[in-house]
Amino acid sequence: MRVLLVALLLMVAMAGTLVVLSRSPRRQIFALAAYGVVLACLFEALQAPDVALSEIVVGAAITPALLLVTLAALGMDRRRR
């Protein structure tokens, strides 16, 4: 169990670093979604299934979807000008 937690913590650190170091907004959004999934796996390993489900819904699905819609709307606004 301890090895699993260390591996998940390293994956969370790598995913968070990937979010910060990405230059493209679209890649940042997908990295943010992956970060939410990895974080949900960590919460599940820490025996917090309710927090894990909330993280999947909010951190891996709704927030990235809203950011993609916003990015698309901004792109459409730039084309009109």
Protein backbone atom coordinates (compact mmCIF):
# COMPACT_ATOMS: atom_id res chain seq x y z
CA MET A 1 0.00 0.00 0.00
CA ARG A 2 2.84 2.35 0.83
CA VAL A 3 4.40 1.86 -2.61
CA LEU A 4 1.06 2.67 -4.25
CA LEU A 5 0.72 5.91 -2.28
CA VAL A 6 4.27 6.98 -3.15
CA ALA A 7 3.65 6.21 -6.82
CA LEU A 8 0.38 8.15 -6.80
CA LEU A 9 1.98 11.12 -5.04
CA LEU A 10 4.72 11.18 -7.67
CA MET A 11 2.11 11.02 -10.42
CA VAL A 12 0.20 13.92 -8.83
CA ALA A 13 3.41 15.94 -8.69
CA MET A 14 4.21 15.16 -12.33
CA ALA A 15 0.68 15.96 -13.51
CA GLY A 16 0.66 19.26 -11.62
CA THR A 17 4.02 20.17 -13.11
CA LEU A 18 2.71 19.31 -16.57
CA VAL A 19 -0.25 21.65 -16.07
CA VAL A 20 2.05 24.51 -15.08
CA LEU A 21 4.67 23.97 -17.78
CA SER A 22 2.27 23.57 -20.72
CA ARG A 23 2.26 26.56 -23.04
CA SER A 24 -0.87 25.85 -25.06
CA PRO A 25 -4.17 26.55 -23.27
CA ARG A 26 -5.76 23.46 -24.83
CA ARG A 27 -2.93 21.24 -23.59
CA GLN A 28 -3.23 22.84 -20.15
CA ILE A 29 -6.91 21.94 -20.03
CA PHE A 30 -6.26 18.31 -20.95
CA ALA A 31 -3.41 18.16 -18.45
CA LEU A 32 -5.78 19.60 -15.82
CA ALA A 33 -8.28 16.84 -16.59
CA ALA A 34 -5.54 14.21 -16.24
CA TYR A 35 -4.48 15.85 -12.97
CA GLY A 36 -8.06 15.49 -11.70
CA VAL A 37 -8.12 11.79 -12.59
CA VAL A 38 -4.78 11.12 -10.88
CA LEU A 39 -5.89 13.07 -7.83
CA ALA A 40 -9.12 11.05 -7.71
CA CYS A 41 -7.05 7.84 -7.80
CA LEU A 42 -5.01 9.16 -4.89
CA PHE A 43 -8.14 9.96 -2.90
CA GLU A 44 -9.47 6.46 -3.59
CA ALA A 45 -6.21 4.94 -2.38
CA LEU A 46 -6.51 7.05 0.78
CA GLN A 47 -9.97 5.51 1.32
CA ALA A 48 -11.99 8.64 0.63
CA PRO A 49 -14.37 7.49 -2.12
CA ASP A 50 -16.78 10.40 -1.72
CA VAL A 51 -13.98 12.91 -2.28
CA ALA A 52 -12.70 10.82 -5.21
CA LEU A 53 -16.10 10.87 -6.90
CA SER A 54 -16.41 14.61 -6.36
CA GLU A 55 -12.94 15.12 -7.86
CA ILE A 56 -13.83 13.04 -10.91
CA VAL A 57 -17.01 15.02 -11.52
CA VAL A 58 -15.64 18.48 -10.81
CA GLY A 59 -11.90 18.23 -11.43
CA ALA A 60 -11.85 15.84 -14.36
CA ALA A 61 -15.13 16.57 -16.14
CA ILE A 62 -16.98 19.81 -15.45
CA THR A 63 -14.10 22.27 -15.02
CA PRO A 64 -12.19 21.13 -18.15
CA ALA A 65 -15.43 21.10 -20.15
CA LEU A 66 -16.25 24.66 -19.10
CA LEU A 67 -12.72 25.77 -19.90
CA LEU A 68 -12.89 24.16 -23.35
CA VAL A 69 -16.20 25.89 -24.06
CA THR A 70 -14.70 29.20 -22.94
CA LEU A 71 -11.63 28.65 -25.11
CA ALA A 72 -13.84 27.84 -28.09
CA ALA A 73 -15.96 30.94 -27.49
CA LEU A 74 -12.87 33.11 -27.34
CA GLY A 75 -11.60 31.56 -30.55
CA MET A 76 -14.91 32.25 -32.28
CA ASP A 77 -14.81 35.84 -31.05
CA ARG A 78 -11.35 36.37 -32.55
CA ARG A 79 -12.49 35.04 -35.94
CA ARG A 80 -15.29 37.62 -36.16
CA ARG A 81 -12.93 40.55 -35.74
